[in-house]
Amino acid sequence: MVRLDPRWAALVTYVPASGELVPIEVVVRLLPADFPEDAPEDPALFPATADGSDVPAGGLSQRMLNSVRLEAGRKKLEGLITGDAGQMPDHVRARLREVFGEQLTGRTAGPGRPRRDPLEVLRACLAVEQGTPDRKTLDQVAAELGVDRPWLKEALNWARRQDPPLFTTPGRGRRGGALTPEGRALLAELGGADQEE
């Protein structure tokens, strides 16, 4: 549940797909007039029905709908599941990890680590490099790899942030990039060099 303002809240439903939590449903509902402003954003507190006896002037506005931040909700939920944020009983978190953890991360991701294994990240970098001469977009490469664009961008940025970098940053106005010598060496070490052309 996400509070939009003192009187409105959104309940967002996410499911794990392709290694990410993706939103599949958003319900925006009017909260009771006496709903505490400091109440926790607990889905259990989300009202089953909207109370139409005390509706603010204008009702649900476009501005209110636009204020729903799906990405912020996803990060918050992932943090709860992986244990990086929030307060949650240990047995509840353990059950969430059991159900969703492997689908989300393959294994629990540590700080600065991509949410998939380094070999998959380096293969993604190689695919972007090989697609550069054909001017392939990140969307096209992501579709070919069977991943979504946000994950691909995260993978490329992770590779660029390593010391030494594993993937180059393209010049201004250019797209793509290339594996660095260190990136190619690690790719070969991990058994992914056979995919190079």
N, C-alpha and C. Protein backbone atom coordinates (compact mmCIF):
# COMPACT_ATOMS: atom_id res chain seq x y z
N MET A 1 0.84 -1.19 0.00
CA MET A 1 0.00 0.00 0.00
C MET A 1 0.88 1.25 0.00
N VAL A 2 0.49 2.26 -0.80
CA VAL A 2 1.24 3.51 -0.88
C VAL A 2 0.28 4.66 -0.60
N ARG A 3 0.61 5.47 0.41
CA ARG A 3 -0.21 6.65 0.71
C ARG A 3 0.09 7.73 -0.32
N LEU A 4 -0.96 8.25 -0.96
CA LEU A 4 -0.80 9.32 -1.94
C LEU A 4 -0.98 10.68 -1.30
N ASP A 5 -1.85 10.77 -0.33
CA ASP A 5 -2.04 11.96 0.49
C ASP A 5 -2.86 11.51 1.69
N PRO A 6 -3.27 12.41 2.59
CA PRO A 6 -3.99 11.96 3.79
C PRO A 6 -5.27 11.18 3.50
N ARG A 7 -5.90 11.37 2.35
CA ARG A 7 -7.18 10.74 2.09
C ARG A 7 -7.16 9.65 1.02
N TRP A 8 -6.08 9.52 0.30
CA TRP A 8 -6.05 8.55 -0.79
C TRP A 8 -4.85 7.61 -0.65
N ALA A 9 -5.04 6.38 -1.07
CA ALA A 9 -3.96 5.39 -1.06
C ALA A 9 -4.11 4.49 -2.27
N ALA A 10 -3.00 3.89 -2.66
CA ALA A 10 -3.01 2.96 -3.79
C ALA A 10 -2.51 1.60 -3.30
N LEU A 11 -3.16 0.56 -3.76
CA LEU A 11 -2.71 -0.80 -3.50
C LEU A 11 -2.20 -1.36 -4.82
N VAL A 12 -0.90 -1.64 -4.87
CA VAL A 12 -0.27 -2.12 -6.10
C VAL A 12 0.09 -3.60 -5.93
N THR A 13 -0.30 -4.40 -6.91
CA THR A 13 0.00 -5.83 -6.90
C THR A 13 1.13 -6.09 -7.89
N TYR A 14 2.18 -6.75 -7.39
CA TYR A 14 3.33 -7.11 -8.23
C TYR A 14 3.45 -8.62 -8.31
N VAL A 15 4.00 -9.10 -9.42
CA VAL A 15 4.33 -10.52 -9.55
C VAL A 15 5.75 -10.63 -10.08
N PRO A 16 6.48 -11.70 -9.73
CA PRO A 16 7.83 -11.87 -10.28
C PRO A 16 7.75 -12.38 -11.70
N ALA A 17 8.49 -11.74 -12.61
CA ALA A 17 8.53 -12.16 -14.00
C ALA A 17 9.85 -11.69 -14.61
N SER A 18 10.53 -12.61 -15.30
CA SER A 18 11.81 -12.28 -15.95
C SER A 18 12.80 -11.67 -14.98
N GLY A 19 12.81 -12.19 -13.75
CA GLY A 19 13.78 -11.71 -12.77
C GLY A 19 13.46 -10.38 -12.14
N GLU A 20 12.26 -9.84 -12.38
CA GLU A 20 11.88 -8.56 -11.81
C GLU A 20 10.47 -8.65 -11.24
N LEU A 21 10.19 -7.75 -10.31
CA LEU A 21 8.80 -7.59 -9.86
C LEU A 21 8.12 -6.63 -10.81
N VAL A 22 7.03 -7.07 -11.41
CA VAL A 22 6.32 -6.20 -12.36
C VAL A 22 4.90 -5.95 -11.85
N PRO A 23 4.41 -4.70 -11.97
CA PRO A 23 3.06 -4.39 -11.51
C PRO A 23 2.02 -4.94 -12.48
N ILE A 24 0.95 -5.53 -11.94
CA ILE A 24 -0.12 -6.04 -12.79
C ILE A 24 -1.47 -5.44 -12.43
N GLU A 25 -1.55 -4.75 -11.28
CA GLU A 25 -2.82 -4.16 -10.89
C GLU A 25 -2.58 -2.99 -9.94
N VAL A 26 -3.32 -1.92 -10.14
CA VAL A 26 -3.27 -0.77 -9.23
C VAL A 26 -4.70 -0.40 -8.87
N VAL A 27 -4.98 -0.32 -7.56
CA VAL A 27 -6.29 0.10 -7.07
C VAL A 27 -6.09 1.36 -6.24
N VAL A 28 -6.70 2.46 -6.64
CA VAL A 28 -6.64 3.71 -5.87
C VAL A 28 -7.97 3.88 -5.16
N ARG A 29 -7.91 4.11 -3.87
CA ARG A 29 -9.16 4.13 -3.09
C ARG A 29 -9.13 5.24 -2.05
N LEU A 30 -10.31 5.80 -1.79
CA LEU A 30 -10.48 6.82 -0.76
C LEU A 30 -10.40 6.17 0.62
N LEU A 31 -9.60 6.77 1.50
CA LEU A 31 -9.47 6.27 2.86
C LEU A 31 -10.56 6.88 3.74
N PRO A 32 -10.91 6.20 4.82
CA PRO A 32 -11.88 6.77 5.75
C PRO A 32 -11.38 8.11 6.30
N ALA A 33 -12.29 9.00 6.62
CA ALA A 33 -11.93 10.33 7.11
C ALA A 33 -11.09 10.26 8.37
N ASP A 34 -11.29 9.22 9.19
CA ASP A 34 -10.55 9.12 10.45
C ASP A 34 -9.31 8.23 10.33
N PHE A 35 -8.88 7.93 9.11
CA PHE A 35 -7.70 7.08 8.93
C PHE A 35 -6.46 7.84 9.42
N PRO A 36 -5.70 7.27 10.36
CA PRO A 36 -4.56 7.99 10.94
C PRO A 36 -3.52 8.35 9.89
N GLU A 37 -3.03 9.58 9.92
CA GLU A 37 -2.03 10.00 8.95
C GLU A 37 -0.70 9.29 9.16
N ASP A 38 -0.44 8.84 10.39
CA ASP A 38 0.83 8.17 10.66
C ASP A 38 0.70 6.65 10.61
N ALA A 39 -0.40 6.15 10.07
CA ALA A 39 -0.59 4.70 9.98
C ALA A 39 0.45 4.10 9.03
N PRO A 40 0.96 2.89 9.31
CA PRO A 40 1.95 2.28 8.42
C PRO A 40 1.33 1.95 7.06
N GLU A 41 2.18 1.91 6.04
CA GLU A 41 1.70 1.57 4.69
C GLU A 41 1.59 0.04 4.58
N ASP A 42 0.63 -0.49 5.32
CA ASP A 42 0.43 -1.93 5.43
C ASP A 42 -0.75 -2.32 4.53
N PRO A 43 -0.54 -3.25 3.58
CA PRO A 43 -1.65 -3.67 2.72
C PRO A 43 -2.86 -4.15 3.49
N ALA A 44 -2.63 -4.67 4.71
CA ALA A 44 -3.75 -5.17 5.51
C ALA A 44 -4.69 -4.04 5.93
N LEU A 45 -4.19 -2.79 5.93
CA LEU A 45 -5.00 -1.65 6.34
C LEU A 45 -5.76 -1.03 5.17
N PHE A 46 -5.48 -1.49 3.96
CA PHE A 46 -6.15 -0.92 2.79
C PHE A 46 -7.64 -1.26 2.86
N PRO A 47 -8.53 -0.24 2.76
CA PRO A 47 -9.97 -0.51 2.92
C PRO A 47 -10.52 -1.40 1.83
N ALA A 48 -11.38 -2.33 2.23
CA ALA A 48 -11.98 -3.25 1.26
C ALA A 48 -12.90 -2.52 0.29
N THR A 49 -13.53 -1.47 0.77
CA THR A 49 -14.40 -0.64 -0.08
C THR A 49 -14.15 0.82 0.23
N ALA A 50 -14.55 1.69 -0.69
CA ALA A 50 -14.39 3.13 -0.47
C ALA A 50 -15.61 3.68 0.24
N ASP A 51 -15.37 4.55 1.20
CA ASP A 51 -16.46 5.20 1.93
C ASP A 51 -16.89 6.44 1.16
N GLY A 52 -18.09 6.40 0.58
CA GLY A 52 -18.56 7.51 -0.24
C GLY A 52 -19.29 8.57 0.53
N SER A 53 -19.28 8.50 1.86
CA SER A 53 -20.04 9.46 2.65
C SER A 53 -19.32 10.79 2.84
N ASP A 54 -17.99 10.79 2.64
CA ASP A 54 -17.21 12.01 2.88
C ASP A 54 -16.14 12.13 1.80
N VAL A 55 -16.56 12.39 0.57
CA VAL A 55 -15.63 12.44 -0.55
C VAL A 55 -15.10 13.86 -0.72
N PRO A 56 -13.77 14.02 -0.84
CA PRO A 56 -13.20 15.35 -1.07
C PRO A 56 -13.73 15.95 -2.37
N ALA A 57 -13.76 17.26 -2.46
CA ALA A 57 -14.26 17.94 -3.65
C ALA A 57 -13.51 17.47 -4.89
N GLY A 58 -14.26 17.10 -5.91
CA GLY A 58 -13.65 16.66 -7.16
C GLY A 58 -13.36 15.19 -7.22
N GLY A 59 -13.38 14.51 -6.07
CA GLY A 59 -13.12 13.08 -6.06
C GLY A 59 -11.71 12.73 -6.50
N LEU A 60 -11.57 11.61 -7.20
CA LEU A 60 -10.26 11.15 -7.65
C LEU A 60 -9.82 11.98 -8.85
N SER A 61 -8.67 12.61 -8.75
CA SER A 61 -8.19 13.50 -9.81
C SER A 61 -7.11 12.81 -10.64
N GLN A 62 -6.87 13.35 -11.81
CA GLN A 62 -5.80 12.84 -12.66
C GLN A 62 -4.45 13.01 -11.97
N ARG A 63 -4.29 14.12 -11.25
CA ARG A 63 -3.05 14.35 -10.52
C ARG A 63 -2.78 13.24 -9.52
N MET A 64 -3.84 12.79 -8.84
CA MET A 64 -3.69 11.73 -7.86
C MET A 64 -3.25 10.43 -8.53
N LEU A 65 -3.86 10.13 -9.68
CA LEU A 65 -3.48 8.92 -10.41
C LEU A 65 -2.02 9.00 -10.85
N ASN A 66 -1.62 10.16 -11.32
CA ASN A 66 -0.24 10.33 -11.80
C ASN A 66 0.78 10.24 -10.67
N SER A 67 0.34 10.39 -9.44
CA SER A 67 1.27 10.37 -8.31
C SER A 67 1.64 8.95 -7.87
N VAL A 68 1.00 7.95 -8.45
CA VAL A 68 1.33 6.56 -8.11
C VAL A 68 2.71 6.24 -8.68
N ARG A 69 3.65 5.91 -7.82
CA ARG A 69 5.02 5.63 -8.24
C ARG A 69 5.26 4.13 -8.22
N LEU A 70 5.11 3.49 -9.38
CA LEU A 70 5.24 2.04 -9.46
C LEU A 70 6.66 1.58 -9.18
N GLU A 71 7.65 2.32 -9.67
CA GLU A 71 9.03 1.91 -9.48
C GLU A 71 9.43 2.00 -8.01
N ALA A 72 8.97 3.04 -7.33
CA ALA A 72 9.28 3.17 -5.90
C ALA A 72 8.67 2.02 -5.12
N GLY A 73 7.44 1.64 -5.48
CA GLY A 73 6.81 0.51 -4.81
C GLY A 73 7.54 -0.78 -5.07
N ARG A 74 8.02 -0.97 -6.29
CA ARG A 74 8.75 -2.20 -6.61
C ARG A 74 10.03 -2.31 -5.79
N LYS A 75 10.77 -1.19 -5.72
CA LYS A 75 12.02 -1.21 -4.97
C LYS A 75 11.77 -1.47 -3.48
N LYS A 76 10.70 -0.89 -2.98
CA LYS A 76 10.36 -1.10 -1.57
C LYS A 76 10.03 -2.56 -1.31
N LEU A 77 9.26 -3.17 -2.20
CA LEU A 77 8.88 -4.56 -2.02
C LEU A 77 10.08 -5.48 -2.16
N GLU A 78 10.94 -5.21 -3.15
CA GLU A 78 12.14 -6.02 -3.30
C GLU A 78 13.01 -5.91 -2.06
N GLY A 79 13.10 -4.70 -1.49
CA GLY A 79 13.89 -4.52 -0.29
C GLY A 79 13.35 -5.32 0.87
N LEU A 80 12.03 -5.38 0.98
CA LEU A 80 11.42 -6.17 2.05
C LEU A 80 11.71 -7.65 1.88
N ILE A 81 11.63 -8.12 0.64
CA ILE A 81 11.83 -9.55 0.38
C ILE A 81 13.28 -9.96 0.59
N THR A 82 14.21 -9.15 0.09
CA THR A 82 15.62 -9.52 0.18
C THR A 82 16.25 -9.12 1.50
N GLY A 83 15.51 -8.38 2.33
CA GLY A 83 16.02 -8.04 3.66
C GLY A 83 16.84 -6.78 3.69
N ASP A 84 16.73 -5.94 2.64
CA ASP A 84 17.52 -4.71 2.58
C ASP A 84 16.82 -3.51 3.19
N ALA A 85 15.54 -3.62 3.50
CA ALA A 85 14.80 -2.44 3.97
C ALA A 85 13.60 -2.87 4.80
N GLY A 86 13.15 -1.96 5.64
CA GLY A 86 11.90 -2.16 6.34
C GLY A 86 11.99 -3.13 7.52
N GLN A 87 10.91 -3.18 8.28
CA GLN A 87 10.81 -4.06 9.43
C GLN A 87 9.83 -5.19 9.09
N MET A 88 10.24 -6.41 9.31
CA MET A 88 9.40 -7.54 8.99
C MET A 88 9.82 -8.71 9.87
N PRO A 89 8.87 -9.45 10.45
CA PRO A 89 9.24 -10.61 11.26
C PRO A 89 10.10 -11.59 10.44
N ASP A 90 11.07 -12.20 11.10
CA ASP A 90 11.99 -13.09 10.39
C ASP A 90 11.27 -14.21 9.66
N HIS A 91 10.23 -14.78 10.29
CA HIS A 91 9.57 -15.92 9.65
C HIS A 91 8.79 -15.49 8.41
N VAL A 92 8.29 -14.24 8.41
CA VAL A 92 7.57 -13.73 7.23
C VAL A 92 8.56 -13.50 6.09
N ARG A 93 9.70 -12.86 6.41
CA ARG A 93 10.70 -12.61 5.38
C ARG A 93 11.24 -13.93 4.82
N ALA A 94 11.45 -14.90 5.68
CA ALA A 94 11.94 -16.20 5.22
C ALA A 94 10.96 -16.84 4.24
N ARG A 95 9.67 -16.72 4.54
CA ARG A 95 8.67 -17.30 3.64
C ARG A 95 8.63 -16.55 2.31
N LEU A 96 8.74 -15.21 2.34
CA LEU A 96 8.76 -14.44 1.11
C LEU A 96 9.97 -14.79 0.25
N ARG A 97 11.11 -14.95 0.90
CA ARG A 97 12.30 -15.35 0.15
C ARG A 97 12.12 -16.73 -0.47
N GLU A 98 11.50 -17.62 0.28
CA GLU A 98 11.26 -18.97 -0.22
C GLU A 98 10.39 -18.94 -1.46
N VAL A 99 9.37 -18.09 -1.44
CA VAL A 99 8.41 -18.05 -2.56
C VAL A 99 8.95 -17.24 -3.73
N PHE A 100 9.55 -16.04 -3.43
CA PHE A 100 9.89 -15.12 -4.49
C PHE A 100 11.39 -14.94 -4.72
N GLY A 101 12.19 -15.22 -3.72
CA GLY A 101 13.60 -14.84 -3.81
C GLY A 101 14.32 -15.38 -5.02
N GLU A 102 14.17 -16.67 -5.32
CA GLU A 102 14.88 -17.25 -6.45
C GLU A 102 14.41 -16.66 -7.77
N GLN A 103 13.12 -16.37 -7.86
CA GLN A 103 12.59 -15.80 -9.09
C GLN A 103 13.07 -14.37 -9.30
N LEU A 104 13.31 -13.67 -8.20
CA LEU A 104 13.72 -12.27 -8.30
C LEU A 104 15.21 -12.13 -8.55
N THR A 105 16.01 -12.92 -7.88
CA THR A 105 17.44 -12.66 -7.87
C THR A 105 18.30 -13.85 -8.25
N GLY A 106 17.77 -15.04 -8.28
CA GLY A 106 18.60 -16.20 -8.48
C GLY A 106 19.34 -16.53 -7.19
N ARG A 107 19.94 -15.54 -6.59
CA ARG A 107 20.48 -15.60 -5.23
C ARG A 107 20.46 -14.18 -4.71
N THR A 108 20.49 -14.03 -3.41
CA THR A 108 20.36 -12.70 -2.83
C THR A 108 21.47 -11.80 -3.34
N ALA A 109 21.11 -10.65 -3.85
CA ALA A 109 22.08 -9.71 -4.41
C ALA A 109 22.66 -8.85 -3.32
N GLY A 110 23.98 -8.68 -3.33
CA GLY A 110 24.63 -7.82 -2.37
C GLY A 110 24.79 -6.43 -2.95
N PRO A 111 25.33 -5.48 -2.17
CA PRO A 111 25.50 -4.12 -2.66
C PRO A 111 26.36 -4.08 -3.92
N GLY A 112 25.90 -3.40 -4.94
CA GLY A 112 26.66 -3.24 -6.16
C GLY A 112 26.70 -4.45 -7.05
N ARG A 113 25.94 -5.48 -6.73
CA ARG A 113 25.97 -6.71 -7.52
C ARG A 113 24.71 -6.78 -8.36
N PRO A 114 24.83 -7.15 -9.64
CA PRO A 114 23.63 -7.23 -10.47
C PRO A 114 22.73 -8.35 -9.98
N ARG A 115 21.44 -8.27 -10.31
CA ARG A 115 20.50 -9.25 -9.83
C ARG A 115 20.47 -10.50 -10.72
N ARG A 116 21.53 -10.70 -11.48
CA ARG A 116 21.75 -11.96 -12.17
C ARG A 116 23.24 -12.22 -12.14
N ASP A 117 23.66 -13.43 -12.53
CA ASP A 117 25.07 -13.76 -12.35
C ASP A 117 25.94 -13.00 -13.34
N PRO A 118 27.22 -12.81 -13.01
CA PRO A 118 28.12 -12.01 -13.85
C PRO A 118 28.22 -12.52 -15.29
N LEU A 119 28.15 -13.84 -15.49
CA LEU A 119 28.22 -14.37 -16.85
C LEU A 119 27.07 -13.85 -17.69
N GLU A 120 25.87 -13.83 -17.13
CA GLU A 120 24.72 -13.33 -17.88
C GLU A 120 24.87 -11.84 -18.17
N VAL A 121 25.42 -11.10 -17.21
CA VAL A 121 25.64 -9.68 -17.42
C VAL A 121 26.65 -9.45 -18.54
N LEU A 122 27.74 -10.19 -18.53
CA LEU A 122 28.77 -10.01 -19.55
C LEU A 122 28.27 -10.44 -20.93
N ARG A 123 27.44 -11.46 -20.98
CA ARG A 123 26.85 -11.86 -22.26
C ARG A 123 25.92 -10.78 -22.78
N ALA A 124 25.23 -10.10 -21.86
CA ALA A 124 24.38 -8.99 -22.27
C ALA A 124 25.22 -7.84 -22.82
N CYS A 125 26.35 -7.56 -22.16
CA CYS A 125 27.25 -6.53 -22.66
C CYS A 125 27.76 -6.87 -24.06
N LEU A 126 28.10 -8.13 -24.25
CA LEU A 126 28.58 -8.56 -25.55
C LEU A 126 27.49 -8.40 -26.61
N ALA A 127 26.26 -8.71 -26.27
CA ALA A 127 25.16 -8.58 -27.22
C ALA A 127 24.96 -7.12 -27.62
N VAL A 128 25.10 -6.20 -26.64
CA VAL A 128 24.98 -4.77 -26.95
C VAL A 128 26.12 -4.35 -27.88
N GLU A 129 27.34 -4.82 -27.56
CA GLU A 129 28.50 -4.48 -28.40
C GLU A 129 28.29 -4.98 -29.84
N GLN A 130 27.84 -6.22 -29.98
CA GLN A 130 27.66 -6.79 -31.31
C GLN A 130 26.51 -6.14 -32.06
N GLY A 131 25.56 -5.55 -31.32
CA GLY A 131 24.44 -4.89 -31.98
C GLY A 131 24.72 -3.46 -32.37
N THR A 132 25.84 -2.90 -31.88
CA THR A 132 26.15 -1.50 -32.16
C THR A 132 26.34 -1.21 -33.64
N PRO A 133 27.10 -2.03 -34.40
CA PRO A 133 27.27 -1.73 -35.82
C PRO A 133 25.95 -1.70 -36.59
N ASP A 134 24.98 -2.48 -36.14
CA ASP A 134 23.67 -2.51 -36.80
C ASP A 134 22.72 -1.48 -36.21
N ARG A 135 23.24 -0.64 -35.30
CA ARG A 135 22.45 0.43 -34.66
C ARG A 135 21.22 -0.14 -33.94
N LYS A 136 21.40 -1.28 -33.30
CA LYS A 136 20.30 -1.86 -32.53
C LYS A 136 20.08 -1.05 -31.26
N THR A 137 18.83 -0.85 -30.90
CA THR A 137 18.49 -0.14 -29.68
C THR A 137 18.56 -1.10 -28.50
N LEU A 138 18.57 -0.54 -27.28
CA LEU A 138 18.55 -1.39 -26.09
C LEU A 138 17.28 -2.22 -26.04
N ASP A 139 16.17 -1.66 -26.51
CA ASP A 139 14.92 -2.42 -26.54
C ASP A 139 15.05 -3.64 -27.43
N GLN A 140 15.70 -3.49 -28.59
CA GLN A 140 15.87 -4.61 -29.50
C GLN A 140 16.78 -5.69 -28.90
N VAL A 141 17.89 -5.26 -28.32
CA VAL A 141 18.81 -6.22 -27.71
C VAL A 141 18.14 -6.93 -26.53
N ALA A 142 17.41 -6.17 -25.71
CA ALA A 142 16.72 -6.77 -24.57
C ALA A 142 15.73 -7.83 -25.04
N ALA A 143 14.99 -7.53 -26.12
CA ALA A 143 14.02 -8.50 -26.63
C ALA A 143 14.72 -9.76 -27.11
N GLU A 144 15.87 -9.61 -27.77
CA GLU A 144 16.62 -10.77 -28.25
C GLU A 144 17.14 -11.62 -27.10
N LEU A 145 17.50 -10.97 -25.99
CA LEU A 145 18.02 -11.69 -24.83
C LEU A 145 16.92 -12.26 -23.94
N GLY A 146 15.69 -11.77 -24.14
CA GLY A 146 14.59 -12.22 -23.29
C GLY A 146 14.58 -11.57 -21.93
N VAL A 147 15.10 -10.34 -21.85
CA VAL A 147 15.10 -9.59 -20.59
C VAL A 147 14.39 -8.27 -20.85
N ASP A 148 14.14 -7.50 -19.79
CA ASP A 148 13.52 -6.20 -20.01
C ASP A 148 14.60 -5.11 -20.06
N ARG A 149 14.23 -3.96 -20.62
CA ARG A 149 15.18 -2.88 -20.83
C ARG A 149 15.79 -2.36 -19.53
N PRO A 150 14.99 -2.18 -18.43
CA PRO A 150 15.60 -1.69 -17.18
C PRO A 150 16.70 -2.61 -16.67
N TRP A 151 16.48 -3.94 -16.77
CA TRP A 151 17.53 -4.85 -16.30
C TRP A 151 18.77 -4.72 -17.16
N LEU A 152 18.59 -4.61 -18.49
CA LEU A 152 19.74 -4.49 -19.37
C LEU A 152 20.53 -3.23 -19.05
N LYS A 153 19.85 -2.10 -18.82
CA LYS A 153 20.55 -0.87 -18.47
C LYS A 153 21.29 -1.02 -17.15
N GLU A 154 20.65 -1.68 -16.19
CA GLU A 154 21.30 -1.90 -14.89
C GLU A 154 22.55 -2.76 -15.05
N ALA A 155 22.46 -3.78 -15.92
CA ALA A 155 23.61 -4.66 -16.15
C ALA A 155 24.77 -3.89 -16.77
N LEU A 156 24.48 -3.08 -17.79
CA LEU A 156 25.53 -2.30 -18.43
C LEU A 156 26.17 -1.32 -17.45
N ASN A 157 25.35 -0.66 -16.66
CA ASN A 157 25.89 0.31 -15.69
C ASN A 157 26.72 -0.38 -14.63
N TRP A 158 26.27 -1.57 -14.20
CA TRP A 158 27.06 -2.32 -13.21
C TRP A 158 28.43 -2.66 -13.78
N ALA A 159 28.46 -3.13 -15.03
CA ALA A 159 29.73 -3.50 -15.65
C ALA A 159 30.65 -2.28 -15.80
N ARG A 160 30.07 -1.13 -16.08
CA ARG A 160 30.87 0.09 -16.24
C ARG A 160 31.43 0.59 -14.91
N ARG A 161 30.73 0.29 -13.82
CA ARG A 161 31.15 0.80 -12.50
C ARG A 161 32.22 -0.05 -11.84
N GLN A 162 32.54 -1.21 -12.40
CA GLN A 162 33.52 -2.06 -11.76
C GLN A 162 34.92 -1.45 -11.86
N ASP A 163 35.82 -1.90 -11.02
CA ASP A 163 37.19 -1.39 -11.00
C ASP A 163 38.14 -2.58 -11.17
N PRO A 164 38.71 -2.74 -12.36
CA PRO A 164 38.58 -1.90 -13.55
C PRO A 164 37.24 -2.13 -14.26
N PRO A 165 36.81 -1.16 -15.09
CA PRO A 165 35.54 -1.32 -15.79
C PRO A 165 35.55 -2.55 -16.70
N LEU A 166 34.39 -3.17 -16.84
CA LEU A 166 34.25 -4.34 -17.71
C LEU A 166 33.60 -3.98 -19.05
N PHE A 167 33.00 -2.78 -19.12
CA PHE A 167 32.31 -2.35 -20.34
C PHE A 167 32.54 -0.85 -20.49
N THR A 168 32.76 -0.41 -21.71
CA THR A 168 33.08 1.00 -21.93
C THR A 168 31.82 1.86 -21.97
N THR A 169 32.03 3.13 -21.73
CA THR A 169 30.96 4.12 -21.86
C THR A 169 31.10 4.79 -23.22
N PRO A 170 30.04 4.78 -24.04
CA PRO A 170 30.15 5.38 -25.37
C PRO A 170 30.34 6.89 -25.28
N GLY A 171 30.95 7.45 -26.30
CA GLY A 171 31.14 8.89 -26.33
C GLY A 171 29.82 9.62 -26.43
N ARG A 172 29.86 10.90 -26.20
CA ARG A 172 28.65 11.71 -26.23
C ARG A 172 27.97 11.61 -27.59
N GLY A 173 26.68 11.37 -27.58
CA GLY A 173 25.92 11.25 -28.81
C GLY A 173 26.03 9.90 -29.47
N ARG A 174 26.77 8.97 -28.85
CA ARG A 174 26.91 7.62 -29.40
C ARG A 174 26.14 6.63 -28.55
N ARG A 175 25.90 5.46 -29.12
CA ARG A 175 25.20 4.43 -28.37
C ARG A 175 26.09 3.20 -28.24
N GLY A 176 25.67 2.29 -27.37
CA GLY A 176 26.38 1.01 -27.24
C GLY A 176 27.55 1.07 -26.29
N GLY A 177 28.65 0.48 -26.70
CA GLY A 177 29.81 0.33 -25.86
C GLY A 177 30.51 -0.96 -26.24
N ALA A 178 31.57 -1.31 -25.53
CA ALA A 178 32.31 -2.53 -25.84
C ALA A 178 32.90 -3.10 -24.57
N LEU A 179 33.07 -4.40 -24.56
CA LEU A 179 33.75 -5.04 -23.45
C LEU A 179 35.19 -4.55 -23.40
N THR A 180 35.68 -4.27 -22.20
CA THR A 180 37.08 -3.91 -22.03
C THR A 180 37.91 -5.19 -22.04
N PRO A 181 39.24 -5.08 -22.14
CA PRO A 181 40.06 -6.29 -22.06
C PRO A 181 39.78 -7.10 -20.80
N GLU A 182 39.55 -6.40 -19.68
CA GLU A 182 39.23 -7.11 -18.44
C GLU A 182 37.88 -7.82 -18.55
N GLY A 183 36.91 -7.15 -19.21
CA GLY A 183 35.60 -7.78 -19.40
C GLY A 183 35.69 -9.01 -20.26
N ARG A 184 36.50 -8.94 -21.35
CA ARG A 184 36.65 -10.10 -22.23
C ARG A 184 37.34 -11.25 -21.50
N ALA A 185 38.35 -10.90 -20.69
CA ALA A 185 39.06 -11.94 -19.95
C ALA A 185 38.13 -12.64 -18.96
N LEU A 186 37.31 -11.85 -18.27
CA LEU A 186 36.38 -12.44 -17.31
C LEU A 186 35.33 -13.27 -18.02
N LEU A 187 34.86 -12.80 -19.17
CA LEU A 187 33.88 -13.56 -19.95
C LEU A 187 34.46 -14.91 -20.36
N ALA A 188 35.72 -14.91 -20.80
CA ALA A 188 36.37 -16.16 -21.19
C ALA A 188 36.55 -17.07 -19.98
N GLU A 189 36.91 -16.47 -18.85
CA GLU A 189 37.12 -17.25 -17.63
C GLU A 189 35.84 -17.92 -17.16
N LEU A 190 34.72 -17.23 -17.36
CA LEU A 190 33.43 -17.76 -16.92
C LEU A 190 32.78 -18.68 -17.95
N GLY A 191 33.45 -18.82 -19.10
CA GLY A 191 32.93 -19.76 -20.09
C GLY A 191 31.99 -19.17 -21.10
N GLY A 192 32.02 -17.84 -21.27
CA GLY A 192 31.09 -17.23 -22.20
C GLY A 192 31.72 -16.75 -23.48
N ALA A 193 33.02 -17.00 -23.64
CA ALA A 193 33.71 -16.48 -24.81
C ALA A 193 33.26 -17.15 -26.10
N ASP A 194 32.63 -18.32 -25.99
CA ASP A 194 32.20 -19.04 -27.18
C ASP A 194 31.11 -18.30 -27.93
N GLN A 195 30.49 -17.27 -27.30
CA GLN A 195 29.43 -16.54 -27.95
C GLN A 195 29.95 -15.39 -28.78
N GLU A 196 31.25 -15.09 -28.67
CA GLU A 196 31.80 -14.00 -29.45
C GLU A 196 31.90 -14.41 -30.92
N GLU A 197 31.72 -13.45 -31.79
CA GLU A 197 31.78 -13.71 -33.23
C GLU A 197 33.21 -13.50 -33.71
